[in-house]
Amino acid sequence: MAVRQAELTREEEYRYSELAMRWYGWGSPVGLGIFALLLGAAAALIRIAFWGFA
C-alpha cells in the first residue's frame, strides 16, 4: 500500500528547489568540480592539437 504525501505549498516548492540548485547548480561544489574537470579536459585537447602526444 502506497503512502500519500501531503501537497507542498508554492513557498515550500520554491524553497526546496532553491536549496537543490544551491547544491547541484554551477556555483555548488559539485558544479565547480565538473567545471574544473571540463576545463582540464579542454586544456589537454588543446595541447594535443598543437603539440601532439609527444
C-alpha atoms as a PDB file:
ATOM      1  CA  MET A   1       0.000   0.000   0.000  1.00  0.00           C
ATOM      2  CA  ALA A   2       1.473   3.335  -1.065  1.00  0.00           C
ATOM      3  CA  VAL A   3       1.648   6.213   1.385  1.00  0.00           C
ATOM      4  CA  ARG A   4       0.468   9.561   0.024  1.00  0.00           C
ATOM      5  CA  GLN A   5       2.492  12.641   0.769  1.00  0.00           C
ATOM      6  CA  ALA A   6       0.982  15.979   1.633  1.00  0.00           C
ATOM      7  CA  GLU A   7       0.875  18.598  -1.105  1.00  0.00           C
ATOM      8  CA  LEU A   8       3.504  21.335  -0.884  1.00  0.00           C
ATOM      9  CA  THR A   9       2.630  24.997  -0.938  1.00  0.00           C
ATOM     10  CA  ARG A  10       4.174  27.261  -3.561  1.00  0.00           C
ATOM     11  CA  GLU A  11       6.515  28.729  -0.949  1.00  0.00           C
ATOM     12  CA  GLU A  12       7.714  25.269   0.096  1.00  0.00           C
ATOM     13  CA  GLU A  13       8.264  24.219  -3.533  1.00  0.00           C
ATOM     14  CA  TYR A  14      10.286  27.364  -4.188  1.00  0.00           C
ATOM     15  CA  ARG A  15      12.359  26.904  -1.034  1.00  0.00           C
ATOM     16  CA  TYR A  16      13.182  23.263  -1.769  1.00  0.00           C
ATOM     17  CA  SER A  17      14.018  23.950  -5.421  1.00  0.00           C
ATOM     18  CA  GLU A  18      16.300  26.806  -4.351  1.00  0.00           C
ATOM     19  CA  LEU A  19      18.085  24.542  -1.876  1.00  0.00           C
ATOM     20  CA  ALA A  20      18.554  21.883  -4.561  1.00  0.00           C
ATOM     21  CA  MET A  21      20.028  24.400  -7.001  1.00  0.00           C
ATOM     22  CA  ARG A  22      22.433  25.629  -4.345  1.00  0.00           C
ATOM     23  CA  TRP A  23      23.919  22.149  -4.131  1.00  0.00           C
ATOM     24  CA  TYR A  24      23.649  20.998  -7.753  1.00  0.00           C
ATOM     25  CA  GLY A  25      23.986  24.287  -9.644  1.00  0.00           C
ATOM     26  CA  TRP A  26      27.196  25.562 -11.257  1.00  0.00           C
ATOM     27  CA  GLY A  27      28.127  27.556  -8.141  1.00  0.00           C
ATOM     28  CA  SER A  28      27.995  24.488  -5.911  1.00  0.00           C
ATOM     29  CA  PRO A  29      30.871  22.156  -5.013  1.00  0.00           C
ATOM     30  CA  VAL A  30      29.502  19.560  -7.448  1.00  0.00           C
ATOM     31  CA  GLY A  31      29.139  22.076 -10.284  1.00  0.00           C
ATOM     32  CA  LEU A  32      32.566  23.602  -9.690  1.00  0.00           C
ATOM     33  CA  GLY A  33      34.146  20.136  -9.671  1.00  0.00           C
ATOM     34  CA  ILE A  34      32.548  19.279 -13.009  1.00  0.00           C
ATOM     35  CA  PHE A  35      33.660  22.647 -14.397  1.00  0.00           C
ATOM     36  CA  ALA A  36      37.254  22.018 -13.273  1.00  0.00           C
ATOM     37  CA  LEU A  37      37.262  18.595 -14.964  1.00  0.00           C
ATOM     38  CA  LEU A  38      35.894  20.055 -18.205  1.00  0.00           C
ATOM     39  CA  LEU A  39      38.460  22.844 -18.116  1.00  0.00           C
ATOM     40  CA  GLY A  40      41.296  20.329 -17.656  1.00  0.00           C
ATOM     41  CA  ALA A  41      39.993  18.155 -20.491  1.00  0.00           C
ATOM     42  CA  ALA A  42      39.773  21.175 -22.804  1.00  0.00           C
ATOM     43  CA  ALA A  43      43.341  22.179 -21.926  1.00  0.00           C
ATOM     44  CA  ALA A  44      44.578  18.640 -22.617  1.00  0.00           C
ATOM     45  CA  LEU A  45      42.814  18.540 -26.005  1.00  0.00           C
ATOM     46  CA  ILE A  46      44.260  21.903 -26.997  1.00  0.00           C
ATOM     47  CA  ARG A  47      47.751  20.734 -26.008  1.00  0.00           C
ATOM     48  CA  ILE A  48      47.360  17.549 -28.069  1.00  0.00           C
ATOM     49  CA  ALA A  49      46.080  19.569 -31.042  1.00  0.00           C
ATOM     50  CA  PHE A  50      49.149  21.823 -31.060  1.00  0.00           C
ATOM     51  CA  TRP A  51      51.978  19.534 -29.927  1.00  0.00           C
ATOM     52  CA  GLY A  52      50.637  16.012 -30.439  1.00  0.00           C
ATOM     53  CA  PHE A  53      51.091  13.145 -27.999  1.00  0.00           C
ATOM     54  CA  ALA A  54      54.819  13.647 -27.579  1.00  0.00           C
END
